[in-house]
Every structure is written in C-alpha cells, then in structure tokens.
PDB file of N, CA and C in Angstrom:
ATOM      1  N   MET A   1      23.558   9.881  42.466  1.00  0.00           N
ATOM      2  CA  MET A   1      23.289   9.294  41.411  1.00  0.00           C
ATOM      3  C   MET A   1      21.572   9.696  40.783  1.00  0.00           C
ATOM      4  N   ARG A   2      21.322  10.324  39.715  1.00  0.00           N
ATOM      5  CA  ARG A   2      19.824  10.608  39.359  1.00  0.00           C
ATOM      6  C   ARG A   2      19.177   9.221  38.766  1.00  0.00           C
ATOM      7  N   THR A   3      18.316   9.140  39.284  1.00  0.00           N
ATOM      8  CA  THR A   3      17.666   8.007  38.501  1.00  0.00           C
ATOM      9  C   THR A   3      17.076   8.592  37.111  1.00  0.00           C
ATOM     10  N   VAL A   4      17.232   7.188  36.229  1.00  0.00           N
ATOM     11  CA  VAL A   4      16.271   7.980  35.027  1.00  0.00           C
ATOM     12  C   VAL A   4      14.749   6.937  34.365  1.00  0.00           C
ATOM     13  N   LYS A   5      13.638   7.687  34.744  1.00  0.00           N
ATOM     14  CA  LYS A   5      12.349   6.834  34.305  1.00  0.00           C
ATOM     15  C   LYS A   5      12.392   6.180  33.049  1.00  0.00           C
ATOM     16  N   SER A   6      12.256   5.088  32.881  1.00  0.00           N
ATOM     17  CA  SER A   6      12.214   5.707  30.826  1.00  0.00           C
ATOM     18  C   SER A   6      10.336   4.709  30.758  1.00  0.00           C
ATOM     19  N   ASN A   7      10.138   5.023  29.811  1.00  0.00           N
ATOM     20  CA  ASN A   7       8.517   4.472  29.301  1.00  0.00           C
ATOM     21  C   ASN A   7       8.962   3.760  28.484  1.00  0.00           C
ATOM     22  N   ALA A   8      10.000   2.764  28.457  1.00  0.00           N
ATOM     23  CA  ALA A   8       9.642   1.591  26.813  1.00  0.00           C
ATOM     24  C   ALA A   8       8.768   0.979  27.182  1.00  0.00           C
ATOM     25  N   LYS A   9       8.528   0.451  28.832  1.00  0.00           N
ATOM     26  CA  LYS A   9       7.849  -0.697  28.661  1.00  0.00           C
ATOM     27  C   LYS A   9       6.396  -0.061  28.120  1.00  0.00           C
ATOM     28  N   ARG A  10       6.034   1.159  27.924  1.00  0.00           N
ATOM     29  CA  ARG A  10       4.526   1.374  28.083  1.00  0.00           C
ATOM     30  C   ARG A  10       4.465   2.585  26.772  1.00  0.00           C
ATOM     31  N   GLN A  11       5.422   1.974  25.829  1.00  0.00           N
ATOM     32  CA  GLN A  11       5.016   2.837  24.840  1.00  0.00           C
ATOM     33  C   GLN A  11       4.258   1.977  23.604  1.00  0.00           C
ATOM     34  N   ASN A  12       3.487   2.819  22.796  1.00  0.00           N
ATOM     35  CA  ASN A  12       2.689   2.179  21.695  1.00  0.00           C
ATOM     36  C   ASN A  12       3.425   1.600  20.382  1.00  0.00           C
ATOM     37  N   LEU A  13       3.670   0.764  20.032  1.00  0.00           N
ATOM     38  CA  LEU A  13       4.462   0.352  19.101  1.00  0.00           C
ATOM     39  C   LEU A  13       3.471  -0.314  17.992  1.00  0.00           C
ATOM     40  N   GLY A  14       2.316   0.131  18.052  1.00  0.00           N
ATOM     41  CA  GLY A  14       1.126  -0.715  17.660  1.00  0.00           C
ATOM     42  C   GLY A  14       1.246  -2.200  16.673  1.00  0.00           C
ATOM     43  N   LEU A  15       0.439  -2.225  15.810  1.00  0.00           N
ATOM     44  CA  LEU A  15       0.362  -3.499  15.833  1.00  0.00           C
ATOM     45  C   LEU A  15       1.647  -4.251  15.638  1.00  0.00           C
ATOM     46  N   THR A  16       1.937  -5.566  16.585  1.00  0.00           N
ATOM     47  CA  THR A  16       2.567  -6.749  15.901  1.00  0.00           C
ATOM     48  C   THR A  16       2.132  -8.042  16.006  1.00  0.00           C
ATOM     49  N   VAL A  17       3.595  -8.787  15.902  1.00  0.00           N
ATOM     50  CA  VAL A  17       2.687 -10.249  15.576  1.00  0.00           C
ATOM     51  C   VAL A  17       2.423 -10.562  17.131  1.00  0.00           C
ATOM     52  N   PRO A  18       2.651 -10.665  17.966  1.00  0.00           N
ATOM     53  CA  PRO A  18       2.534 -10.824  19.240  1.00  0.00           C
ATOM     54  C   PRO A  18       0.836 -10.061  19.870  1.00  0.00           C
ATOM     55  N   VAL A  19       1.008  -9.126  19.792  1.00  0.00           N
ATOM     56  CA  VAL A  19      -0.229  -8.332  20.435  1.00  0.00           C
ATOM     57  C   VAL A  19      -1.510  -8.647  18.969  1.00  0.00           C
ATOM     58  N   ALA A  20      -0.912  -9.216  18.008  1.00  0.00           N
ATOM     59  CA  ALA A  20      -2.092  -9.413  16.944  1.00  0.00           C
ATOM     60  C   ALA A  20      -2.566 -10.870  17.348  1.00  0.00           C
ATOM     61  N   THR A  21      -1.774 -12.093  17.634  1.00  0.00           N
ATOM     62  CA  THR A  21      -2.054 -12.912  18.132  1.00  0.00           C
ATOM     63  C   THR A  21      -2.778 -13.707  19.402  1.00  0.00           C
ATOM     64  N   ARG A  22      -2.296 -12.335  20.358  1.00  0.00           N
ATOM     65  CA  ARG A  22      -2.836 -11.910  21.734  1.00  0.00           C
ATOM     66  C   ARG A  22      -4.462 -11.786  21.329  1.00  0.00           C
ATOM     67  N   GLN A  23      -4.305 -10.928  20.956  1.00  0.00           N
ATOM     68  CA  GLN A  23      -5.944 -10.132  21.254  1.00  0.00           C
ATOM     69  C   GLN A  23      -7.015 -11.709  20.007  1.00  0.00           C
ATOM     70  N   ALA A  24      -6.291 -12.258  18.650  1.00  0.00           N
ATOM     71  CA  ALA A  24      -7.148 -13.249  18.072  1.00  0.00           C
ATOM     72  C   ALA A  24      -7.481 -14.272  19.183  1.00  0.00           C
ATOM     73  N   ARG A  25      -6.285 -15.003  20.055  1.00  0.00           N
ATOM     74  CA  ARG A  25      -6.228 -16.157  21.087  1.00  0.00           C
ATOM     75  C   ARG A  25      -7.651 -15.649  22.567  1.00  0.00           C
ATOM     76  N   THR A  26      -7.672 -14.563  22.827  1.00  0.00           N
ATOM     77  CA  THR A  26      -8.455 -13.807  23.706  1.00  0.00           C
ATOM     78  C   THR A  26     -10.197 -14.493  22.876  1.00  0.00           C
ATOM     79  N   ILE A  27     -10.380 -13.835  21.844  1.00  0.00           N
ATOM     80  CA  ILE A  27     -11.508 -14.111  21.682  1.00  0.00           C
ATOM     81  C   ILE A  27     -11.740 -15.446  21.279  1.00  0.00           C
ATOM     82  N   VAL A  28     -10.994 -16.240  20.606  1.00  0.00           N
ATOM     83  CA  VAL A  28     -11.070 -17.548  20.156  1.00  0.00           C
ATOM     84  C   VAL A  28     -11.485 -18.282  21.552  1.00  0.00           C
ATOM     85  N   ASP A  29     -10.371 -17.881  22.994  1.00  0.00           N
ATOM     86  CA  ASP A  29     -10.737 -18.428  23.782  1.00  0.00           C
ATOM     87  C   ASP A  29     -12.190 -18.404  24.731  1.00  0.00           C
ATOM     88  N   ALA A  30     -12.496 -17.392  24.065  1.00  0.00           N
ATOM     89  CA  ALA A  30     -13.830 -17.198  24.706  1.00  0.00           C
ATOM     90  C   ALA A  30     -14.814 -17.486  23.899  1.00  0.00           C
ATOM     91  N   VAL A  31     -14.706 -17.091  22.726  1.00  0.00           N
ATOM     92  CA  VAL A  31     -16.169 -18.097  21.876  1.00  0.00           C
ATOM     93  C   VAL A  31     -16.013 -19.848  22.137  1.00  0.00           C
ATOM     94  N   MET A  32     -14.723 -20.163  21.779  1.00  0.00           N
ATOM     95  CA  MET A  32     -14.511 -21.442  21.759  1.00  0.00           C
ATOM     96  C   MET A  32     -13.654 -22.218  22.835  1.00  0.00           C
ATOM     97  N   PRO A  33     -13.953 -22.516  23.683  1.00  0.00           N
ATOM     98  CA  PRO A  33     -13.742 -22.816  24.704  1.00  0.00           C
ATOM     99  C   PRO A  33     -12.948 -24.132  24.982  1.00  0.00           C
ATOM    100  N   GLY A  34     -11.960 -24.395  25.268  1.00  0.00           N
ATOM    101  CA  GLY A  34     -12.092 -25.998  25.140  1.00  0.00           C
ATOM    102  C   GLY A  34     -11.225 -26.738  23.865  1.00  0.00           C
ATOM    103  N   VAL A  35     -11.162 -25.611  22.909  1.00  0.00           N
ATOM    104  CA  VAL A  35     -11.121 -26.378  21.527  1.00  0.00           C
ATOM    105  C   VAL A  35     -10.253 -26.305  21.127  1.00  0.00           C
ATOM    106  N   LEU A  36      -9.544 -27.216  20.702  1.00  0.00           N
ATOM    107  CA  LEU A  36      -8.084 -27.267  20.067  1.00  0.00           C
ATOM    108  C   LEU A  36      -7.770 -26.122  18.914  1.00  0.00           C
ATOM    109  N   ALA A  37      -8.418 -25.210  19.258  1.00  0.00           N
ATOM    110  CA  ALA A  37      -7.723 -24.117  17.933  1.00  0.00           C
ATOM    111  C   ALA A  37      -6.431 -23.639  18.020  1.00  0.00           C
ATOM    112  N   THR A  38      -5.695 -23.238  16.804  1.00  0.00           N
ATOM    113  CA  THR A  38      -4.600 -22.670  16.916  1.00  0.00           C
ATOM    114  C   THR A  38      -4.438 -21.271  16.420  1.00  0.00           C
ATOM    115  N   VAL A  39      -3.900 -20.542  16.710  1.00  0.00           N
ATOM    116  CA  VAL A  39      -3.788 -18.695  16.156  1.00  0.00           C
ATOM    117  C   VAL A  39      -2.511 -18.406  15.734  1.00  0.00           C
ATOM    118  N   GLU A  40      -1.961 -18.445  14.655  1.00  0.00           N
ATOM    119  CA  GLU A  40      -0.907 -17.824  14.212  1.00  0.00           C
ATOM    120  C   GLU A  40      -0.784 -16.706  13.281  1.00  0.00           C
ATOM    121  N   SER A  41       0.296 -15.844  13.596  1.00  0.00           N
ATOM    122  CA  SER A  41       0.043 -14.655  13.271  1.00  0.00           C
ATOM    123  C   SER A  41       1.401 -14.450  12.432  1.00  0.00           C
ATOM    124  N   LYS A  42       1.590 -13.391  11.283  1.00  0.00           N
ATOM    125  CA  LYS A  42       3.234 -13.495  10.645  1.00  0.00           C
ATOM    126  C   LYS A  42       3.183 -12.090   9.711  1.00  0.00           C
ATOM    127  N   LEU A  43       4.134 -11.411   9.880  1.00  0.00           N
ATOM    128  CA  LEU A  43       4.405 -10.331   9.023  1.00  0.00           C
ATOM    129  C   LEU A  43       4.085 -10.512   7.721  1.00  0.00           C
ATOM    130  N   SER A  44       3.788  -9.581   7.137  1.00  0.00           N
ATOM    131  CA  SER A  44       3.647  -9.737   5.512  1.00  0.00           C
ATOM    132  C   SER A  44       3.438  -7.867   5.255  1.00  0.00           C
ATOM    133  N   HIS A  45       3.208  -8.157   3.432  1.00  0.00           N
ATOM    134  CA  HIS A  45       3.303  -6.829   3.032  1.00  0.00           C
ATOM    135  C   HIS A  45       2.208  -6.508   1.947  1.00  0.00           C
ATOM    136  N   ASP A  46       1.559  -5.864   1.668  1.00  0.00           N
ATOM    137  CA  ASP A  46       0.611  -5.298   0.724  1.00  0.00           C
ATOM    138  C   ASP A  46       1.276  -4.577  -0.254  1.00  0.00           C
ATOM    139  N   LEU A  47       1.463  -4.955  -1.337  1.00  0.00           N
ATOM    140  CA  LEU A  47       2.308  -4.271  -2.545  1.00  0.00           C
ATOM    141  C   LEU A  47       1.308  -3.670  -3.238  1.00  0.00           C
ATOM    142  N   ASP A  48       0.238  -3.718  -3.560  1.00  0.00           N
ATOM    143  CA  ASP A  48      -0.651  -3.128  -4.179  1.00  0.00           C
ATOM    144  C   ASP A  48      -0.931  -1.572  -3.243  1.00  0.00           C
ATOM    145  N   ASN A  49      -0.639  -1.374  -2.051  1.00  0.00           N
ATOM    146  CA  ASN A  49      -0.900  -0.286  -0.911  1.00  0.00           C
ATOM    147  C   ASN A  49       0.136   0.133  -0.680  1.00  0.00           C
ATOM    148  N   ASP A  50       1.590  -0.520  -0.959  1.00  0.00           N
ATOM    149  CA  ASP A  50       2.864  -0.493   0.331  1.00  0.00           C
ATOM    150  C   ASP A  50       3.068  -0.293   1.839  1.00  0.00           C
ATOM    151  N   MET A  51       2.096  -1.360   2.348  1.00  0.00           N
ATOM    152  CA  MET A  51       2.043  -0.934   3.304  1.00  0.00           C
ATOM    153  C   MET A  51       2.439  -2.408   4.441  1.00  0.00           C
ATOM    154  N   ALA A  52       2.848  -1.983   5.222  1.00  0.00           N
ATOM    155  CA  ALA A  52       2.856  -3.836   6.336  1.00  0.00           C
ATOM    156  C   ALA A  52       1.962  -4.096   7.014  1.00  0.00           C
ATOM    157  N   THR A  53       1.672  -5.324   6.716  1.00  0.00           N
ATOM    158  CA  THR A  53       0.435  -6.069   7.465  1.00  0.00           C
ATOM    159  C   THR A  53       1.080  -7.306   8.171  1.00  0.00           C
ATOM    160  N   VAL A  54      -0.198  -7.653   9.586  1.00  0.00           N
ATOM    161  CA  VAL A  54      -0.011  -8.779   9.711  1.00  0.00           C
ATOM    162  C   VAL A  54      -1.470  -9.934   9.497  1.00  0.00           C
ATOM    163  N   VAL A  55      -0.425 -10.996   9.030  1.00  0.00           N
ATOM    164  CA  VAL A  55      -1.693 -11.704   8.720  1.00  0.00           C
ATOM    165  C   VAL A  55      -2.083 -12.585   9.629  1.00  0.00           C
ATOM    166  N   THR A  56      -3.496 -12.647  10.195  1.00  0.00           N
ATOM    167  CA  THR A  56      -3.637 -13.725  12.272  1.00  0.00           C
ATOM    168  C   THR A  56      -4.236 -14.850  11.145  1.00  0.00           C
ATOM    169  N   THR A  57      -4.258 -16.289  11.013  1.00  0.00           N
ATOM    170  CA  THR A  57      -4.953 -17.672  10.628  1.00  0.00           C
ATOM    171  C   THR A  57      -5.194 -18.034  12.116  1.00  0.00           C
ATOM    172  N   VAL A  58      -6.621 -18.554  12.276  1.00  0.00           N
ATOM    173  CA  VAL A  58      -6.951 -19.237  13.092  1.00  0.00           C
ATOM    174  C   VAL A  58      -7.644 -20.588  12.506  1.00  0.00           C
ATOM    175  N   THR A  59      -6.966 -21.297  12.957  1.00  0.00           N
ATOM    176  CA  THR A  59      -7.614 -22.623  12.504  1.00  0.00           C
ATOM    177  C   THR A  59      -8.583 -23.258  13.465  1.00  0.00           C
ATOM    178  N   PHE A  60      -9.569 -24.077  13.609  1.00  0.00           N
ATOM    179  CA  PHE A  60     -10.637 -24.834  14.436  1.00  0.00           C
ATOM    180  C   PHE A  60     -10.897 -26.272  13.704  1.00  0.00           C
ATOM    181  N   PRO A  61     -11.289 -26.810  14.791  1.00  0.00           N
ATOM    182  CA  PRO A  61     -12.056 -28.097  14.062  1.00  0.00           C
ATOM    183  C   PRO A  61     -13.314 -27.907  13.058  1.00  0.00           C
ATOM    184  N   ALA A  62     -13.460 -28.486  11.824  1.00  0.00           N
ATOM    185  CA  ALA A  62     -13.830 -28.722  10.794  1.00  0.00           C
ATOM    186  C   ALA A  62     -15.172 -28.259  11.057  1.00  0.00           C
ATOM    187  N   GLY A  63     -16.658 -27.293  10.647  1.00  0.00           N
ATOM    188  CA  GLY A  63     -17.421 -27.680  11.202  1.00  0.00           C
ATOM    189  C   GLY A  63     -18.620 -27.292  12.155  1.00  0.00           C
ATOM    190  N   HIS A  64     -16.772 -26.236  13.090  1.00  0.00           N
ATOM    191  CA  HIS A  64     -17.545 -26.648  14.594  1.00  0.00           C
ATOM    192  C   HIS A  64     -18.884 -25.510  14.650  1.00  0.00           C
ATOM    193  N   PRO A  65     -19.665 -25.554  15.884  1.00  0.00           N
ATOM    194  CA  PRO A  65     -21.003 -24.799  15.801  1.00  0.00           C
ATOM    195  C   PRO A  65     -21.160 -23.512  16.246  1.00  0.00           C
ATOM    196  N   ASN A  66     -19.947 -23.166  16.647  1.00  0.00           N
ATOM    197  CA  ASN A  66     -19.298 -21.614  17.040  1.00  0.00           C
ATOM    198  C   ASN A  66     -18.718 -21.100  15.987  1.00  0.00           C
ATOM    199  N   ALA A  67     -18.420 -21.303  14.722  1.00  0.00           N
ATOM    200  CA  ALA A  67     -17.985 -20.913  13.725  1.00  0.00           C
ATOM    201  C   ALA A  67     -18.581 -19.274  13.406  1.00  0.00           C
ATOM    202  N   PRO A  68     -19.461 -19.423  13.166  1.00  0.00           N
ATOM    203  CA  PRO A  68     -19.774 -18.217  12.786  1.00  0.00           C
ATOM    204  C   PRO A  68     -19.425 -17.148  13.967  1.00  0.00           C
ATOM    205  N   ALA A  69     -19.990 -17.827  15.013  1.00  0.00           N
ATOM    206  CA  ALA A  69     -19.654 -16.446  15.942  1.00  0.00           C
ATOM    207  C   ALA A  69     -18.203 -16.360  16.727  1.00  0.00           C
ATOM    208  N   LEU A  70     -17.803 -16.888  15.998  1.00  0.00           N
ATOM    209  CA  LEU A  70     -16.017 -16.632  15.811  1.00  0.00           C
ATOM    210  C   LEU A  70     -15.733 -15.502  14.956  1.00  0.00           C
ATOM    211  N   PHE A  71     -16.103 -15.677  13.801  1.00  0.00           N
ATOM    212  CA  PHE A  71     -16.030 -15.001  12.700  1.00  0.00           C
ATOM    213  C   PHE A  71     -16.310 -13.492  13.008  1.00  0.00           C
ATOM    214  N   SER A  72     -17.822 -13.811  13.581  1.00  0.00           N
ATOM    215  CA  SER A  72     -17.821 -11.987  13.693  1.00  0.00           C
ATOM    216  C   SER A  72     -17.436 -11.718  14.966  1.00  0.00           C
ATOM    217  N   ASP A  73     -16.609 -12.208  15.988  1.00  0.00           N
ATOM    218  CA  ASP A  73     -16.258 -11.105  17.201  1.00  0.00           C
ATOM    219  C   ASP A  73     -14.643 -10.974  16.182  1.00  0.00           C
ATOM    220  N   LEU A  74     -14.328 -12.092  15.573  1.00  0.00           N
ATOM    221  CA  LEU A  74     -13.341 -11.182  14.680  1.00  0.00           C
ATOM    222  C   LEU A  74     -13.261 -10.509  14.046  1.00  0.00           C
ATOM    223  N   SER A  75     -14.157 -10.441  13.307  1.00  0.00           N
ATOM    224  CA  SER A  75     -14.486  -8.917  12.888  1.00  0.00           C
ATOM    225  C   SER A  75     -14.313  -7.621  13.217  1.00  0.00           C
ATOM    226  N   TYR A  76     -14.649  -7.849  14.709  1.00  0.00           N
ATOM    227  CA  TYR A  76     -14.340  -5.950  15.355  1.00  0.00           C
ATOM    228  C   TYR A  76     -13.254  -5.406  15.868  1.00  0.00           C
ATOM    229  N   LEU A  77     -11.732  -6.693  15.572  1.00  0.00           N
ATOM    230  CA  LEU A  77     -10.768  -6.067  15.316  1.00  0.00           C
ATOM    231  C   LEU A  77     -10.382  -4.969  14.709  1.00  0.00           C
ATOM    232  N   SER A  78      -9.615  -4.186  15.410  1.00  0.00           N
ATOM    233  CA  SER A  78      -9.508  -2.849  14.627  1.00  0.00           C
ATOM    234  C   SER A  78      -8.322  -2.878  13.516  1.00  0.00           C
ATOM    235  N   ASN A  79      -7.993  -1.613  13.062  1.00  0.00           N
ATOM    236  CA  ASN A  79      -6.969  -1.604  11.553  1.00  0.00           C
ATOM    237  C   ASN A  79      -7.037  -3.336  10.882  1.00  0.00           C
ATOM    238  N   ARG A  80      -8.447  -3.839  10.515  1.00  0.00           N
ATOM    239  CA  ARG A  80      -8.679  -4.123   9.423  1.00  0.00           C
ATOM    240  C   ARG A  80      -8.135  -3.761   7.726  1.00  0.00           C
ATOM    241  N   HIS A  81      -8.159  -4.873   7.239  1.00  0.00           N
ATOM    242  CA  HIS A  81      -7.431  -4.505   5.883  1.00  0.00           C
ATOM    243  C   HIS A  81      -7.659  -4.892   4.614  1.00  0.00           C
ATOM    244  N   GLY A  82      -8.887  -5.047   3.977  1.00  0.00           N
ATOM    245  CA  GLY A  82      -9.485  -6.143   2.919  1.00  0.00           C
ATOM    246  C   GLY A  82     -10.076  -7.136   3.922  1.00  0.00           C
ATOM    247  N   ASP A  83     -10.854  -7.779   3.026  1.00  0.00           N
ATOM    248  CA  ASP A  83     -11.941  -8.845   3.316  1.00  0.00           C
ATOM    249  C   ASP A  83     -11.421 -10.029   4.703  1.00  0.00           C
ATOM    250  N   MET A  84     -11.828 -10.494   5.446  1.00  0.00           N
ATOM    251  CA  MET A  84     -11.649 -11.512   6.060  1.00  0.00           C
ATOM    252  C   MET A  84     -11.652 -13.015   5.469  1.00  0.00           C
ATOM    253  N   ARG A  85     -11.041 -13.800   5.365  1.00  0.00           N
ATOM    254  CA  ARG A  85     -11.309 -15.062   4.375  1.00  0.00           C
ATOM    255  C   ARG A  85     -12.001 -16.371   5.266  1.00  0.00           C
ATOM    256  N   TYR A  86     -12.939 -17.044   5.241  1.00  0.00           N
ATOM    257  CA  TYR A  86     -13.616 -18.129   5.822  1.00  0.00           C
ATOM    258  C   TYR A  86     -13.636 -18.845   5.641  1.00  0.00           C
ATOM    259  N   ALA A  87     -13.361 -20.318   5.644  1.00  0.00           N
ATOM    260  CA  ALA A  87     -13.290 -21.638   5.371  1.00  0.00           C
ATOM    261  C   ALA A  87     -13.737 -22.582   6.280  1.00  0.00           C
ATOM    262  N   ASP A  88     -14.512 -23.855   6.355  1.00  0.00           N
ATOM    263  CA  ASP A  88     -14.635 -24.484   6.733  1.00  0.00           C
ATOM    264  C   ASP A  88     -14.118 -24.595   8.284  1.00  0.00           C
ATOM    265  N   SER A  89     -12.438 -24.199   8.181  1.00  0.00           N
ATOM    266  CA  SER A  89     -12.204 -24.617   9.364  1.00  0.00           C
ATOM    267  C   SER A  89     -10.865 -23.885   9.589  1.00  0.00           C
ATOM    268  N   SER A  90     -11.154 -22.555   9.310  1.00  0.00           N
ATOM    269  CA  SER A  90      -9.958 -21.367   9.415  1.00  0.00           C
ATOM    270  C   SER A  90     -10.653 -19.973   8.619  1.00  0.00           C
ATOM    271  N   ILE A  91      -9.648 -19.288   9.932  1.00  0.00           N
ATOM    272  CA  ILE A  91     -10.081 -17.732   9.593  1.00  0.00           C
ATOM    273  C   ILE A  91      -8.889 -16.975   9.319  1.00  0.00           C
ATOM    274  N   VAL A  92      -9.177 -16.499   8.057  1.00  0.00           N
ATOM    275  CA  VAL A  92      -7.757 -15.766   8.545  1.00  0.00           C
ATOM    276  C   VAL A  92      -8.074 -13.852   8.035  1.00  0.00           C
ATOM    277  N   ILE A  93      -7.193 -13.081   8.529  1.00  0.00           N
ATOM    278  CA  ILE A  93      -7.949 -12.021   8.864  1.00  0.00           C
ATOM    279  C   ILE A  93      -6.267 -10.890   8.330  1.00  0.00           C
ATOM    280  N   THR A  94      -6.555  -9.964   7.726  1.00  0.00           N
ATOM    281  CA  THR A  94      -5.569  -9.393   7.439  1.00  0.00           C
ATOM    282  C   THR A  94      -5.271  -8.183   7.951  1.00  0.00           C
ATOM    283  N   ARG A  95      -4.324  -7.414   8.768  1.00  0.00           N
ATOM    284  CA  ARG A  95      -4.418  -6.368   9.285  1.00  0.00           C
ATOM    285  C   ARG A  95      -3.423  -5.330   9.064  1.00  0.00           C
ATOM    286  N   LYS A  96      -3.596  -3.822   8.943  1.00  0.00           N
ATOM    287  CA  LYS A  96      -2.892  -2.702   9.162  1.00  0.00           C
ATOM    288  C   LYS A  96      -1.743  -2.995  10.000  1.00  0.00           C
ATOM    289  N   VAL A  97      -0.608  -2.557   9.942  1.00  0.00           N
ATOM    290  CA  VAL A  97       0.586  -2.159  11.569  1.00  0.00           C
ATOM    291  C   VAL A  97       0.000  -1.047  12.269  1.00  0.00           C
ATOM    292  N   LYS A  98       0.292   0.014  10.729  1.00  0.00           N
ATOM    293  CA  LYS A  98      -0.320   1.442  11.504  1.00  0.00           C
ATOM    294  C   LYS A  98      -1.117   2.231  10.861  1.00  0.00           C
TER     295      LYS A  98
END
C-alpha cells in the first residue's frame, strides 16, 4: 500500500484568530514582560468594505510606561485595516483576514 503525503499542516490559511492572538502575544511579551496583559482576538466583518476581519484587543495596566512602545510595535503587524485604537489601558487592532 502506498502512503500519501499530506501538506495539510503546512497550508497557509491566512490570518486566523489563533494566529492573530499569537502574533500580538509575542509582541506583548517582548515589550511588557511580566505584566498581566491580556490578548484576545475575535472574528468580525467590515460591512462597508464587505470583508472579514480579525479584531485583536490588548489590555494592560493603565498608564504603563511601555504602552507607547507596545503601540508602535503592534502597528507593524501585517494586513492592518483602518486605524488602531489606543486608550489608557488598551489597544485595538483590526486586520483583514485575506
């Protein structure tokens, strides 16, 4: 019997919720190590442009001194759609799925 090699694990599925969360978490851990920051992503849809998006929210202690550096580093994530929102204790990034 012949074995069939599958590339299923290596297929690029584009931006998914776990990928978006992992990418943001990597940056948060590098810029704010040891800080109790949370990273949450969810699927959404931009009705104006009819496109699927992933919205990632990063929350951290209010007034943290590394917040501007975190905002700067997160702005380099690919497929950003629209402006990032920055508040005293959170950053919201919207990215296109494909």
